[in-house]
Amino acid sequence: MLYKRFGKQRCFKVSIKLYVLFGLIAGLYGFILPTSPLVLTIILIGSSMACAIPINMCYPIAMGAVRGAAARASGMLVALRLVFSAAGLQVIAHFYDHTYVPLALMIGAEAFLAWGIARKILIKE
């Protein structure tokens, strides 16, 4: 697969860069009026595809971080993902004004946060 051909480290770096790129594009696209649903869908599909590799790499690593606690780690990861999703939806719902701008700001902020976290992860290795 991709890991065998290019290596895990390289796949992780490229996918994080693509995720940040698509996130920033989605964030900036919110300020272009009028927004096209087709273009927005293409941008968000690219962002979703780019985050598939880090999720599939980090999930098994996190589950094996504490020996004998894979079930607890899995539950914790799912719970954290749901809490952050709910918090993000609540923030977007609070600022929603029937435009794409609040969602664009949230996606751009998430891309910036992902870039910062990935940078910290990659510096330690």
PDB file of N, CA and C in Angstrom:
ATOM      1  N   MET A   1       0.827  -1.175   0.000  1.00  0.00           N
ATOM      2  CA  MET A   1       0.000   0.000   0.000  1.00  0.00           C
ATOM      3  C   MET A   1       0.881   1.252   0.000  1.00  0.00           C
ATOM      4  N   LEU A   2       0.327   2.387   0.337  1.00  0.00           N
ATOM      5  CA  LEU A   2       1.090   3.636   0.330  1.00  0.00           C
ATOM      6  C   LEU A   2       2.214   3.626   1.350  1.00  0.00           C
ATOM      7  N   TYR A   3       1.953   3.035   2.534  1.00  0.00           N
ATOM      8  CA  TYR A   3       2.985   2.998   3.574  1.00  0.00           C
ATOM      9  C   TYR A   3       4.221   2.251   3.110  1.00  0.00           C
ATOM     10  N   LYS A   4       4.011   1.125   2.441  1.00  0.00           N
ATOM     11  CA  LYS A   4       5.135   0.309   2.003  1.00  0.00           C
ATOM     12  C   LYS A   4       5.923   0.993   0.896  1.00  0.00           C
ATOM     13  N   ARG A   5       5.207   1.682   0.032  1.00  0.00           N
ATOM     14  CA  ARG A   5       5.874   2.300  -1.117  1.00  0.00           C
ATOM     15  C   ARG A   5       6.625   3.579  -0.742  1.00  0.00           C
ATOM     16  N   PHE A   6       5.994   4.443   0.072  1.00  0.00           N
ATOM     17  CA  PHE A   6       6.586   5.748   0.365  1.00  0.00           C
ATOM     18  C   PHE A   6       7.105   5.893   1.801  1.00  0.00           C
ATOM     19  N   GLY A   7       6.685   5.020   2.698  1.00  0.00           N
ATOM     20  CA  GLY A   7       7.093   5.123   4.096  1.00  0.00           C
ATOM     21  C   GLY A   7       6.058   5.872   4.919  1.00  0.00           C
ATOM     22  N   LYS A   8       5.931   5.468   6.172  1.00  0.00           N
ATOM     23  CA  LYS A   8       4.917   6.058   7.046  1.00  0.00           C
ATOM     24  C   LYS A   8       5.171   7.539   7.308  1.00  0.00           C
ATOM     25  N   GLN A   9       6.405   7.884   7.563  1.00  0.00           N
ATOM     26  CA  GLN A   9       6.739   9.274   7.891  1.00  0.00           C
ATOM     27  C   GLN A   9       6.401  10.213   6.730  1.00  0.00           C
ATOM     28  N   ARG A  10       6.765   9.810   5.538  1.00  0.00           N
ATOM     29  CA  ARG A  10       6.502  10.652   4.363  1.00  0.00           C
ATOM     30  C   ARG A  10       5.003  10.762   4.084  1.00  0.00           C
ATOM     31  N   CYS A  11       4.277   9.651   4.203  1.00  0.00           N
ATOM     32  CA  CYS A  11       2.822   9.682   4.007  1.00  0.00           C
ATOM     33  C   CYS A  11       2.160  10.602   5.022  1.00  0.00           C
ATOM     34  N   PHE A  12       2.619  10.526   6.279  1.00  0.00           N
ATOM     35  CA  PHE A  12       2.056  11.374   7.325  1.00  0.00           C
ATOM     36  C   PHE A  12       2.303  12.846   7.023  1.00  0.00           C
ATOM     37  N   LYS A  13       3.528  13.185   6.654  1.00  0.00           N
ATOM     38  CA  LYS A  13       3.862  14.584   6.365  1.00  0.00           C
ATOM     39  C   LYS A  13       3.063  15.127   5.182  1.00  0.00           C
ATOM     40  N   VAL A  14       2.977  14.347   4.123  1.00  0.00           N
ATOM     41  CA  VAL A  14       2.250  14.804   2.933  1.00  0.00           C
ATOM     42  C   VAL A  14       0.767  14.963   3.230  1.00  0.00           C
ATOM     43  N   SER A  15       0.186  14.009   3.958  1.00  0.00           N
ATOM     44  CA  SER A  15      -1.248  14.091   4.234  1.00  0.00           C
ATOM     45  C   SER A  15      -1.565  15.256   5.169  1.00  0.00           C
ATOM     46  N   ILE A  16      -0.708  15.536   6.139  1.00  0.00           N
ATOM     47  CA  ILE A  16      -0.928  16.691   7.017  1.00  0.00           C
ATOM     48  C   ILE A  16      -0.835  17.986   6.212  1.00  0.00           C
ATOM     49  N   LYS A  17       0.149  18.070   5.331  1.00  0.00           N
ATOM     50  CA  LYS A  17       0.277  19.271   4.496  1.00  0.00           C
ATOM     51  C   LYS A  17      -0.940  19.448   3.596  1.00  0.00           C
ATOM     52  N   LEU A  18      -1.438  18.353   3.024  1.00  0.00           N
ATOM     53  CA  LEU A  18      -2.636  18.434   2.188  1.00  0.00           C
ATOM     54  C   LEU A  18      -3.861  18.835   3.009  1.00  0.00           C
ATOM     55  N   TYR A  19      -3.975  18.285   4.227  1.00  0.00           N
ATOM     56  CA  TYR A  19      -5.110  18.633   5.080  1.00  0.00           C
ATOM     57  C   TYR A  19      -5.097  20.119   5.426  1.00  0.00           C
ATOM     58  N   VAL A  20      -3.926  20.624   5.778  1.00  0.00           N
ATOM     59  CA  VAL A  20      -3.818  22.041   6.107  1.00  0.00           C
ATOM     60  C   VAL A  20      -4.108  22.890   4.869  1.00  0.00           C
ATOM     61  N   LEU A  21      -3.599  22.481   3.721  1.00  0.00           N
ATOM     62  CA  LEU A  21      -3.857  23.218   2.484  1.00  0.00           C
ATOM     63  C   LEU A  21      -5.350  23.279   2.172  1.00  0.00           C
ATOM     64  N   PHE A  22      -6.016  22.113   2.195  1.00  0.00           N
ATOM     65  CA  PHE A  22      -7.456  22.094   1.912  1.00  0.00           C
ATOM     66  C   PHE A  22      -8.245  22.831   2.990  1.00  0.00           C
ATOM     67  N   GLY A  23      -7.790  22.756   4.248  1.00  0.00           N
ATOM     68  CA  GLY A  23      -8.461  23.486   5.316  1.00  0.00           C
ATOM     69  C   GLY A  23      -8.355  24.990   5.128  1.00  0.00           C
ATOM     70  N   LEU A  24      -7.176  25.452   4.752  1.00  0.00           N
ATOM     71  CA  LEU A  24      -7.005  26.884   4.509  1.00  0.00           C
ATOM     72  C   LEU A  24      -7.783  27.347   3.278  1.00  0.00           C
ATOM     73  N   ILE A  25      -7.807  26.496   2.251  1.00  0.00           N
ATOM     74  CA  ILE A  25      -8.606  26.840   1.064  1.00  0.00           C
ATOM     75  C   ILE A  25     -10.076  26.935   1.438  1.00  0.00           C
ATOM     76  N   ALA A  26     -10.562  25.957   2.238  1.00  0.00           N
ATOM     77  CA  ALA A  26     -11.964  25.985   2.668  1.00  0.00           C
ATOM     78  C   ALA A  26     -12.237  27.209   3.528  1.00  0.00           C
ATOM     79  N   GLY A  27     -11.279  27.574   4.378  1.00  0.00           N
ATOM     80  CA  GLY A  27     -11.443  28.756   5.209  1.00  0.00           C
ATOM     81  C   GLY A  27     -11.473  30.043   4.398  1.00  0.00           C
ATOM     82  N   LEU A  28     -10.596  30.145   3.422  1.00  0.00           N
ATOM     83  CA  LEU A  28     -10.558  31.349   2.588  1.00  0.00           C
ATOM     84  C   LEU A  28     -11.719  31.412   1.610  1.00  0.00           C
ATOM     85  N   TYR A  29     -12.199  30.239   1.193  1.00  0.00           N
ATOM     86  CA  TYR A  29     -13.293  30.204   0.222  1.00  0.00           C
ATOM     87  C   TYR A  29     -14.582  30.786   0.805  1.00  0.00           C
ATOM     88  N   GLY A  30     -14.700  30.792   2.115  1.00  0.00           N
ATOM     89  CA  GLY A  30     -15.893  31.344   2.745  1.00  0.00           C
ATOM     90  C   GLY A  30     -16.054  32.839   2.538  1.00  0.00           C
ATOM     91  N   PHE A  31     -14.978  33.516   2.209  1.00  0.00           N
ATOM     92  CA  PHE A  31     -15.050  34.960   2.025  1.00  0.00           C
ATOM     93  C   PHE A  31     -15.233  35.367   0.572  1.00  0.00           C
ATOM     94  N   ILE A  32     -15.358  34.370  -0.323  1.00  0.00           N
ATOM     95  CA  ILE A  32     -15.636  34.627  -1.728  1.00  0.00           C
ATOM     96  C   ILE A  32     -17.137  34.490  -1.934  1.00  0.00           C
ATOM     97  N   LEU A  33     -17.757  35.532  -2.401  1.00  0.00           N
ATOM     98  CA  LEU A  33     -19.206  35.495  -2.598  1.00  0.00           C
ATOM     99  C   LEU A  33     -19.524  35.496  -4.069  1.00  0.00           C
ATOM    100  N   PRO A  34     -20.462  34.779  -4.568  1.00  0.00           N
ATOM    101  CA  PRO A  34     -21.220  33.735  -3.876  1.00  0.00           C
ATOM    102  C   PRO A  34     -20.446  32.415  -3.879  1.00  0.00           C
ATOM    103  N   THR A  35     -20.689  31.591  -2.898  1.00  0.00           N
ATOM    104  CA  THR A  35     -20.022  30.295  -2.800  1.00  0.00           C
ATOM    105  C   THR A  35     -20.815  29.256  -3.576  1.00  0.00           C
ATOM    106  N   SER A  36     -20.099  28.409  -4.262  1.00  0.00           N
ATOM    107  CA  SER A  36     -20.715  27.347  -5.046  1.00  0.00           C
ATOM    108  C   SER A  36     -20.712  26.053  -4.237  1.00  0.00           C
ATOM    109  N   PRO A  37     -21.848  25.382  -4.103  1.00  0.00           N
ATOM    110  CA  PRO A  37     -21.883  24.124  -3.360  1.00  0.00           C
ATOM    111  C   PRO A  37     -20.984  23.048  -3.974  1.00  0.00           C
ATOM    112  N   LEU A  38     -20.841  23.040  -5.279  1.00  0.00           N
ATOM    113  CA  LEU A  38     -20.001  22.042  -5.941  1.00  0.00           C
ATOM    114  C   LEU A  38     -18.528  22.252  -5.575  1.00  0.00           C
ATOM    115  N   VAL A  39     -18.065  23.486  -5.640  1.00  0.00           N
ATOM    116  CA  VAL A  39     -16.669  23.775  -5.301  1.00  0.00           C
ATOM    117  C   VAL A  39     -16.415  23.489  -3.820  1.00  0.00           C
ATOM    118  N   LEU A  40     -17.356  23.868  -2.985  1.00  0.00           N
ATOM    119  CA  LEU A  40     -17.227  23.609  -1.559  1.00  0.00           C
ATOM    120  C   LEU A  40     -17.175  22.114  -1.268  1.00  0.00           C
ATOM    121  N   THR A  41     -17.988  21.335  -1.941  1.00  0.00           N
ATOM    122  CA  THR A  41     -17.983  19.882  -1.770  1.00  0.00           C
ATOM    123  C   THR A  41     -16.653  19.287  -2.203  1.00  0.00           C
ATOM    124  N   ILE A  42     -16.112  19.748  -3.305  1.00  0.00           N
ATOM    125  CA  ILE A  42     -14.816  19.253  -3.785  1.00  0.00           C
ATOM    126  C   ILE A  42     -13.716  19.583  -2.783  1.00  0.00           C
ATOM    127  N   ILE A  43     -13.735  20.790  -2.226  1.00  0.00           N
ATOM    128  CA  ILE A  43     -12.729  21.180  -1.233  1.00  0.00           C
ATOM    129  C   ILE A  43     -12.837  20.300   0.009  1.00  0.00           C
ATOM    130  N   LEU A  44     -14.042  20.079   0.496  1.00  0.00           N
ATOM    131  CA  LEU A  44     -14.221  19.284   1.707  1.00  0.00           C
ATOM    132  C   LEU A  44     -13.917  17.800   1.468  1.00  0.00           C
ATOM    133  N   ILE A  45     -14.151  17.294   0.272  1.00  0.00           N
ATOM    134  CA  ILE A  45     -13.771  15.911  -0.047  1.00  0.00           C
ATOM    135  C   ILE A  45     -12.246  15.786  -0.027  1.00  0.00           C
ATOM    136  N   GLY A  46     -11.548  16.758  -0.594  1.00  0.00           N
ATOM    137  CA  GLY A  46     -10.087  16.743  -0.552  1.00  0.00           C
ATOM    138  C   GLY A  46      -9.566  16.780   0.877  1.00  0.00           C
ATOM    139  N   SER A  47     -10.197  17.581   1.717  1.00  0.00           N
ATOM    140  CA  SER A  47      -9.807  17.649   3.126  1.00  0.00           C
ATOM    141  C   SER A  47     -10.061  16.320   3.829  1.00  0.00           C
ATOM    142  N   SER A  48     -11.177  15.699   3.551  1.00  0.00           N
ATOM    143  CA  SER A  48     -11.495  14.410   4.169  1.00  0.00           C
ATOM    144  C   SER A  48     -10.529  13.323   3.720  1.00  0.00           C
ATOM    145  N   MET A  49     -10.179  13.318   2.456  1.00  0.00           N
ATOM    146  CA  MET A  49      -9.234  12.317   1.956  1.00  0.00           C
ATOM    147  C   MET A  49      -7.851  12.525   2.553  1.00  0.00           C
ATOM    148  N   ALA A  50      -7.468  13.774   2.757  1.00  0.00           N
ATOM    149  CA  ALA A  50      -6.137  14.061   3.306  1.00  0.00           C
ATOM    150  C   ALA A  50      -6.019  13.649   4.769  1.00  0.00           C
ATOM    151  N   CYS A  51      -7.121  13.670   5.521  1.00  0.00           N
ATOM    152  CA  CYS A  51      -7.016  13.312   6.942  1.00  0.00           C
ATOM    153  C   CYS A  51      -7.160  11.820   7.179  1.00  0.00           C
ATOM    154  N   ALA A  52      -7.379  11.027   6.147  1.00  0.00           N
ATOM    155  CA  ALA A  52      -7.541   9.580   6.319  1.00  0.00           C
ATOM    156  C   ALA A  52      -6.245   8.908   6.765  1.00  0.00           C
ATOM    157  N   ILE A  53      -5.115   9.309   6.226  1.00  0.00           N
ATOM    158  CA  ILE A  53      -3.840   8.664   6.572  1.00  0.00           C
ATOM    159  C   ILE A  53      -3.437   8.954   8.013  1.00  0.00           C
ATOM    160  N   PRO A  54      -3.457  10.208   8.500  1.00  0.00           N
ATOM    161  CA  PRO A  54      -3.082  10.416   9.904  1.00  0.00           C
ATOM    162  C   PRO A  54      -4.010   9.703  10.888  1.00  0.00           C
ATOM    163  N   ILE A  55      -5.298   9.668  10.585  1.00  0.00           N
ATOM    164  CA  ILE A  55      -6.225   8.989  11.486  1.00  0.00           C
ATOM    165  C   ILE A  55      -5.916   7.502  11.536  1.00  0.00           C
ATOM    166  N   ASN A  56      -5.685   6.888  10.393  1.00  0.00           N
ATOM    167  CA  ASN A  56      -5.404   5.456  10.362  1.00  0.00           C
ATOM    168  C   ASN A  56      -4.029   5.112  10.923  1.00  0.00           C
ATOM    169  N   MET A  57      -3.123   6.058  10.972  1.00  0.00           N
ATOM    170  CA  MET A  57      -1.807   5.815  11.571  1.00  0.00           C
ATOM    171  C   MET A  57      -1.848   6.043  13.082  1.00  0.00           C
ATOM    172  N   CYS A  58      -2.504   7.091  13.520  1.00  0.00           N
ATOM    173  CA  CYS A  58      -2.471   7.466  14.931  1.00  0.00           C
ATOM    174  C   CYS A  58      -3.391   6.620  15.804  1.00  0.00           C
ATOM    175  N   TYR A  59      -4.489   6.147  15.268  1.00  0.00           N
ATOM    176  CA  TYR A  59      -5.445   5.375  16.067  1.00  0.00           C
ATOM    177  C   TYR A  59      -4.830   4.095  16.617  1.00  0.00           C
ATOM    178  N   PRO A  60      -4.187   3.244  15.794  1.00  0.00           N
ATOM    179  CA  PRO A  60      -3.565   2.042  16.376  1.00  0.00           C
ATOM    180  C   PRO A  60      -2.414   2.353  17.328  1.00  0.00           C
ATOM    181  N   ILE A  61      -1.669   3.415  17.053  1.00  0.00           N
ATOM    182  CA  ILE A  61      -0.573   3.799  17.945  1.00  0.00           C
ATOM    183  C   ILE A  61      -1.126   4.211  19.306  1.00  0.00           C
ATOM    184  N   ALA A  62      -2.205   4.985  19.295  1.00  0.00           N
ATOM    185  CA  ALA A  62      -2.809   5.427  20.550  1.00  0.00           C
ATOM    186  C   ALA A  62      -3.405   4.255  21.324  1.00  0.00           C
ATOM    187  N   MET A  63      -3.967   3.290  20.620  1.00  0.00           N
ATOM    188  CA  MET A  63      -4.550   2.137  21.303  1.00  0.00           C
ATOM    189  C   MET A  63      -3.477   1.273  21.951  1.00  0.00           C
ATOM    190  N   GLY A  64      -2.292   1.249  21.394  1.00  0.00           N
ATOM    191  CA  GLY A  64      -1.215   0.457  21.957  1.00  0.00           C
ATOM    192  C   GLY A  64      -0.317   1.231  22.903  1.00  0.00           C
ATOM    193  N   ALA A  65      -0.665   2.489  23.208  1.00  0.00           N
ATOM    194  CA  ALA A  65       0.177   3.322  24.049  1.00  0.00           C
ATOM    195  C   ALA A  65       0.265   2.799  25.484  1.00  0.00           C
ATOM    196  N   VAL A  66      -0.836   2.304  25.999  1.00  0.00           N
ATOM    197  CA  VAL A  66      -0.859   1.767  27.354  1.00  0.00           C
ATOM    198  C   VAL A  66      -1.129   0.275  27.251  1.00  0.00           C
ATOM    199  N   ARG A  67      -0.190  -0.510  27.689  1.00  0.00           N
ATOM    200  CA  ARG A  67      -0.296  -1.963  27.565  1.00  0.00           C
ATOM    201  C   ARG A  67      -1.493  -2.492  28.359  1.00  0.00           C
ATOM    202  N   GLY A  68      -2.318  -3.288  27.696  1.00  0.00           N
ATOM    203  CA  GLY A  68      -3.459  -3.906  28.344  1.00  0.00           C
ATOM    204  C   GLY A  68      -4.673  -3.008  28.477  1.00  0.00           C
ATOM    205  N   ALA A  69      -4.641  -1.839  27.895  1.00  0.00           N
ATOM    206  CA  ALA A  69      -5.764  -0.904  28.026  1.00  0.00           C
ATOM    207  C   ALA A  69      -6.260  -0.453  26.659  1.00  0.00           C
ATOM    208  N   ALA A  70      -6.237  -1.343  25.682  1.00  0.00           N
ATOM    209  CA  ALA A  70      -6.657  -0.955  24.332  1.00  0.00           C
ATOM    210  C   ALA A  70      -8.129  -0.573  24.291  1.00  0.00           C
ATOM    211  N   ALA A  71      -8.958  -1.281  25.034  1.00  0.00           N
ATOM    212  CA  ALA A  71     -10.388  -0.970  25.034  1.00  0.00           C
ATOM    213  C   ALA A  71     -10.638   0.407  25.660  1.00  0.00           C
ATOM    214  N   ARG A  72      -9.944   0.704  26.750  1.00  0.00           N
ATOM    215  CA  ARG A  72     -10.096   2.021  27.378  1.00  0.00           C
ATOM    216  C   ARG A  72      -9.582   3.125  26.467  1.00  0.00           C
ATOM    217  N   ALA A  73      -8.468   2.879  25.810  1.00  0.00           N
ATOM    218  CA  ALA A  73      -7.908   3.886  24.897  1.00  0.00           C
ATOM    219  C   ALA A  73      -8.857   4.132  23.735  1.00  0.00           C
ATOM    220  N   SER A  74      -9.442   3.074  23.214  1.00  0.00           N
ATOM    221  CA  SER A  74     -10.389   3.217  22.116  1.00  0.00           C
ATOM    222  C   SER A  74     -11.608   4.030  22.546  1.00  0.00           C
ATOM    223  N   GLY A  75     -12.131   3.708  23.714  1.00  0.00           N
ATOM    224  CA  GLY A  75     -13.274   4.455  24.238  1.00  0.00           C
ATOM    225  C   GLY A  75     -12.940   5.915  24.472  1.00  0.00           C
ATOM    226  N   MET A  76     -11.752   6.168  24.991  1.00  0.00           N
ATOM    227  CA  MET A  76     -11.324   7.546  25.242  1.00  0.00           C
ATOM    228  C   MET A  76     -11.178   8.325  23.943  1.00  0.00           C
ATOM    229  N   LEU A  77     -10.607   7.698  22.924  1.00  0.00           N
ATOM    230  CA  LEU A  77     -10.451   8.373  21.631  1.00  0.00           C
ATOM    231  C   LEU A  77     -11.796   8.709  21.008  1.00  0.00           C
ATOM    232  N   VAL A  78     -12.722   7.762  21.060  1.00  0.00           N
ATOM    233  CA  VAL A  78     -14.059   8.009  20.502  1.00  0.00           C
ATOM    234  C   VAL A  78     -14.751   9.114  21.296  1.00  0.00           C
ATOM    235  N   ALA A  79     -14.648   9.067  22.622  1.00  0.00           N
ATOM    236  CA  ALA A  79     -15.281  10.091  23.455  1.00  0.00           C
ATOM    237  C   ALA A  79     -14.695  11.472  23.174  1.00  0.00           C
ATOM    238  N   LEU A  80     -13.371  11.559  23.067  1.00  0.00           N
ATOM    239  CA  LEU A  80     -12.745  12.852  22.766  1.00  0.00           C
ATOM    240  C   LEU A  80     -13.167  13.382  21.405  1.00  0.00           C
ATOM    241  N   ARG A  81     -13.232  12.491  20.421  1.00  0.00           N
ATOM    242  CA  ARG A  81     -13.655  12.917  19.085  1.00  0.00           C
ATOM    243  C   ARG A  81     -15.082  13.452  19.113  1.00  0.00           C
ATOM    244  N   LEU A  82     -15.962  12.764  19.829  1.00  0.00           N
ATOM    245  CA  LEU A  82     -17.356  13.211  19.911  1.00  0.00           C
ATOM    246  C   LEU A  82     -17.494  14.524  20.686  1.00  0.00           C
ATOM    247  N   VAL A  83     -16.727  14.689  21.755  1.00  0.00           N
ATOM    248  CA  VAL A  83     -16.786  15.929  22.530  1.00  0.00           C
ATOM    249  C   VAL A  83     -16.300  17.109  21.688  1.00  0.00           C
ATOM    250  N   PHE A  84     -15.181  16.921  20.983  1.00  0.00           N
ATOM    251  CA  PHE A  84     -14.678  18.012  20.146  1.00  0.00           C
ATOM    252  C   PHE A  84     -15.622  18.309  18.980  1.00  0.00           C
ATOM    253  N   SER A  85     -16.240  17.287  18.422  1.00  0.00           N
ATOM    254  CA  SER A  85     -17.221  17.505  17.346  1.00  0.00           C
ATOM    255  C   SER A  85     -18.424  18.276  17.870  1.00  0.00           C
ATOM    256  N   ALA A  86     -18.920  17.892  19.030  1.00  0.00           N
ATOM    257  CA  ALA A  86     -20.073  18.591  19.611  1.00  0.00           C
ATOM    258  C   ALA A  86     -19.731  20.032  19.950  1.00  0.00           C
ATOM    259  N   ALA A  87     -18.536  20.255  20.491  1.00  0.00           N
ATOM    260  CA  ALA A  87     -18.126  21.627  20.818  1.00  0.00           C
ATOM    261  C   ALA A  87     -18.005  22.480  19.557  1.00  0.00           C
ATOM    262  N   GLY A  88     -17.418  21.913  18.507  1.00  0.00           N
ATOM    263  CA  GLY A  88     -17.305  22.646  17.244  1.00  0.00           C
ATOM    264  C   GLY A  88     -18.660  22.965  16.646  1.00  0.00           C
ATOM    265  N   LEU A  89     -19.569  22.000  16.681  1.00  0.00           N
ATOM    266  CA  LEU A  89     -20.920  22.245  16.170  1.00  0.00           C
ATOM    267  C   LEU A  89     -21.646  23.304  16.986  1.00  0.00           C
ATOM    268  N   GLN A  90     -21.438  23.303  18.290  1.00  0.00           N
ATOM    269  CA  GLN A  90     -22.084  24.304  19.136  1.00  0.00           C
ATOM    270  C   GLN A  90     -21.563  25.702  18.826  1.00  0.00           C
ATOM    271  N   VAL A  91     -20.266  25.825  18.632  1.00  0.00           N
ATOM    272  CA  VAL A  91     -19.686  27.125  18.299  1.00  0.00           C
ATOM    273  C   VAL A  91     -20.211  27.608  16.948  1.00  0.00           C
ATOM    274  N   ILE A  92     -20.225  26.716  15.966  1.00  0.00           N
ATOM    275  CA  ILE A  92     -20.724  27.105  14.641  1.00  0.00           C
ATOM    276  C   ILE A  92     -22.201  27.469  14.707  1.00  0.00           C
ATOM    277  N   ALA A  93     -22.990  26.709  15.448  1.00  0.00           N
ATOM    278  CA  ALA A  93     -24.424  27.000  15.564  1.00  0.00           C
ATOM    279  C   ALA A  93     -24.662  28.344  16.241  1.00  0.00           C
ATOM    280  N   HIS A  94     -23.812  28.688  17.194  1.00  0.00           N
ATOM    281  CA  HIS A  94     -23.974  29.965  17.889  1.00  0.00           C
ATOM    282  C   HIS A  94     -23.730  31.148  16.954  1.00  0.00           C
ATOM    283  N   PHE A  95     -22.739  31.033  16.107  1.00  0.00           N
ATOM    284  CA  PHE A  95     -22.385  32.139  15.221  1.00  0.00           C
ATOM    285  C   PHE A  95     -23.006  32.042  13.830  1.00  0.00           C
ATOM    286  N   TYR A  96     -23.838  31.041  13.591  1.00  0.00           N
ATOM    287  CA  TYR A  96     -24.394  30.825  12.251  1.00  0.00           C
ATOM    288  C   TYR A  96     -25.287  31.997  11.849  1.00  0.00           C
ATOM    289  N   ASP A  97     -25.057  32.526  10.658  1.00  0.00           N
ATOM    290  CA  ASP A  97     -25.839  33.652  10.152  1.00  0.00           C
ATOM    291  C   ASP A  97     -26.357  33.382   8.742  1.00  0.00           C
ATOM    292  N   HIS A  98     -26.619  32.117   8.430  1.00  0.00           N
ATOM    293  CA  HIS A  98     -27.139  31.668   7.135  1.00  0.00           C
ATOM    294  C   HIS A  98     -26.154  31.898   5.991  1.00  0.00           C
ATOM    295  N   THR A  99     -24.870  31.953   6.328  1.00  0.00           N
ATOM    296  CA  THR A  99     -23.820  32.014   5.319  1.00  0.00           C
ATOM    297  C   THR A  99     -22.790  30.942   5.644  1.00  0.00           C
ATOM    298  N   TYR A 100     -21.824  30.784   4.775  1.00  0.00           N
ATOM    299  CA  TYR A 100     -20.759  29.805   4.964  1.00  0.00           C
ATOM    300  C   TYR A 100     -19.622  30.353   5.824  1.00  0.00           C
ATOM    301  N   VAL A 101     -19.626  31.635   6.132  1.00  0.00           N
ATOM    302  CA  VAL A 101     -18.494  32.282   6.802  1.00  0.00           C
ATOM    303  C   VAL A 101     -18.167  31.667   8.166  1.00  0.00           C
ATOM    304  N   PRO A 102     -19.129  31.424   9.077  1.00  0.00           N
ATOM    305  CA  PRO A 102     -18.754  30.809  10.362  1.00  0.00           C
ATOM    306  C   PRO A 102     -18.124  29.427  10.207  1.00  0.00           C
ATOM    307  N   LEU A 103     -18.641  28.630   9.292  1.00  0.00           N
ATOM    308  CA  LEU A 103     -18.069  27.310   9.031  1.00  0.00           C
ATOM    309  C   LEU A 103     -16.668  27.444   8.438  1.00  0.00           C
ATOM    310  N   ALA A 104     -16.491  28.411   7.559  1.00  0.00           N
ATOM    311  CA  ALA A 104     -15.179  28.636   6.958  1.00  0.00           C
ATOM    312  C   ALA A 104     -14.153  29.027   8.017  1.00  0.00           C
ATOM    313  N   LEU A 105     -14.549  29.879   8.943  1.00  0.00           N
ATOM    314  CA  LEU A 105     -13.643  30.265  10.016  1.00  0.00           C
ATOM    315  C   LEU A 105     -13.282  29.072  10.893  1.00  0.00           C
ATOM    316  N   MET A 106     -14.254  28.208  11.187  1.00  0.00           N
ATOM    317  CA  MET A 106     -13.996  27.031  12.017  1.00  0.00           C
ATOM    318  C   MET A 106     -13.076  26.053  11.295  1.00  0.00           C
ATOM    319  N   ILE A 107     -13.299  25.833  10.014  1.00  0.00           N
ATOM    320  CA  ILE A 107     -12.445  24.919   9.253  1.00  0.00           C
ATOM    321  C   ILE A 107     -11.030  25.471   9.157  1.00  0.00           C
ATOM    322  N   GLY A 108     -10.904  26.764   8.915  1.00  0.00           N
ATOM    323  CA  GLY A 108      -9.582  27.380   8.872  1.00  0.00           C
ATOM    324  C   GLY A 108      -8.863  27.276  10.211  1.00  0.00           C
ATOM    325  N   ALA A 109      -9.596  27.485  11.314  1.00  0.00           N
ATOM    326  CA  ALA A 109      -8.993  27.364  12.650  1.00  0.00           C
ATOM    327  C   ALA A 109      -8.567  25.923  12.925  1.00  0.00           C
ATOM    328  N   GLU A 110      -9.382  24.957  12.519  1.00  0.00           N
ATOM    329  CA  GLU A 110      -9.018  23.552  12.703  1.00  0.00           C
ATOM    330  C   GLU A 110      -7.790  23.190  11.889  1.00  0.00           C
ATOM    331  N   ALA A 111      -7.687  23.712  10.684  1.00  0.00           N
ATOM    332  CA  ALA A 111      -6.507  23.442   9.857  1.00  0.00           C
ATOM    333  C   ALA A 111      -5.259  24.032  10.502  1.00  0.00           C
ATOM    334  N   PHE A 112      -5.383  25.238  11.048  1.00  0.00           N
ATOM    335  CA  PHE A 112      -4.250  25.863  11.727  1.00  0.00           C
ATOM    336  C   PHE A 112      -3.859  25.068  12.969  1.00  0.00           C
ATOM    337  N   LEU A 113      -4.851  24.585  13.721  1.00  0.00           N
ATOM    338  CA  LEU A 113      -4.587  23.757  14.898  1.00  0.00           C
ATOM    339  C   LEU A 113      -3.928  22.438  14.503  1.00  0.00           C
ATOM    340  N   ALA A 114      -4.412  21.817  13.431  1.00  0.00           N
ATOM    341  CA  ALA A 114      -3.812  20.560  12.951  1.00  0.00           C
ATOM    342  C   ALA A 114      -2.367  20.786  12.536  1.00  0.00           C
ATOM    343  N   TRP A 115      -2.095  21.910  11.902  1.00  0.00           N
ATOM    344  CA  TRP A 115      -0.723  22.224  11.499  1.00  0.00           C
ATOM    345  C   TRP A 115       0.173  22.357  12.725  1.00  0.00           C
ATOM    346  N   GLY A 116      -0.301  23.039  13.751  1.00  0.00           N
ATOM    347  CA  GLY A 116       0.492  23.211  14.958  1.00  0.00           C
ATOM    348  C   GLY A 116       0.757  21.896  15.681  1.00  0.00           C
ATOM    349  N   ILE A 117      -0.262  21.056  15.800  1.00  0.00           N
ATOM    350  CA  ILE A 117      -0.092  19.757  16.456  1.00  0.00           C
ATOM    351  C   ILE A 117       0.858  18.877  15.658  1.00  0.00           C
ATOM    352  N   ALA A 118       0.671  18.826  14.351  1.00  0.00           N
ATOM    353  CA  ALA A 118       1.547  18.003  13.506  1.00  0.00           C
ATOM    354  C   ALA A 118       2.984  18.494  13.568  1.00  0.00           C
ATOM    355  N   ARG A 119       3.155  19.783  13.640  1.00  0.00           N
ATOM    356  CA  ARG A 119       4.513  20.343  13.737  1.00  0.00           C
ATOM    357  C   ARG A 119       5.188  19.899  15.028  1.00  0.00           C
ATOM    358  N   LYS A 120       4.441  19.898  16.115  1.00  0.00           N
ATOM    359  CA  LYS A 120       4.991  19.446  17.403  1.00  0.00           C
ATOM    360  C   LYS A 120       5.314  17.955  17.355  1.00  0.00           C
ATOM    361  N   ILE A 121       4.448  17.162  16.718  1.00  0.00           N
ATOM    362  CA  ILE A 121       4.675  15.728  16.611  1.00  0.00           C
ATOM    363  C   ILE A 121       5.907  15.457  15.773  1.00  0.00           C
ATOM    364  N   LEU A 122       6.035  16.141  14.652  1.00  0.00           N
ATOM    365  CA  LEU A 122       7.142  15.879  13.740  1.00  0.00           C
ATOM    366  C   LEU A 122       8.474  16.404  14.277  1.00  0.00           C
ATOM    367  N   ILE A 123       8.465  17.430  15.106  1.00  0.00           N
ATOM    368  CA  ILE A 123       9.712  17.937  15.681  1.00  0.00           C
ATOM    369  C   ILE A 123      10.277  16.939  16.668  1.00  0.00           C
ATOM    370  N   LYS A 124       9.417  16.241  17.417  1.00  0.00           N
ATOM    371  CA  LYS A 124       9.877  15.277  18.428  1.00  0.00           C
ATOM    372  C   LYS A 124      10.507  14.055  17.812  1.00  0.00           C
ATOM    373  N   GLU A 125      10.191  13.753  16.562  1.00  0.00           N
ATOM    374  CA  GLU A 125      10.737  12.538  15.927  1.00  0.00           C
ATOM    375  C   GLU A 125      12.033  12.825  15.225  1.00  0.00           C
TER     376      GLU A 125
END
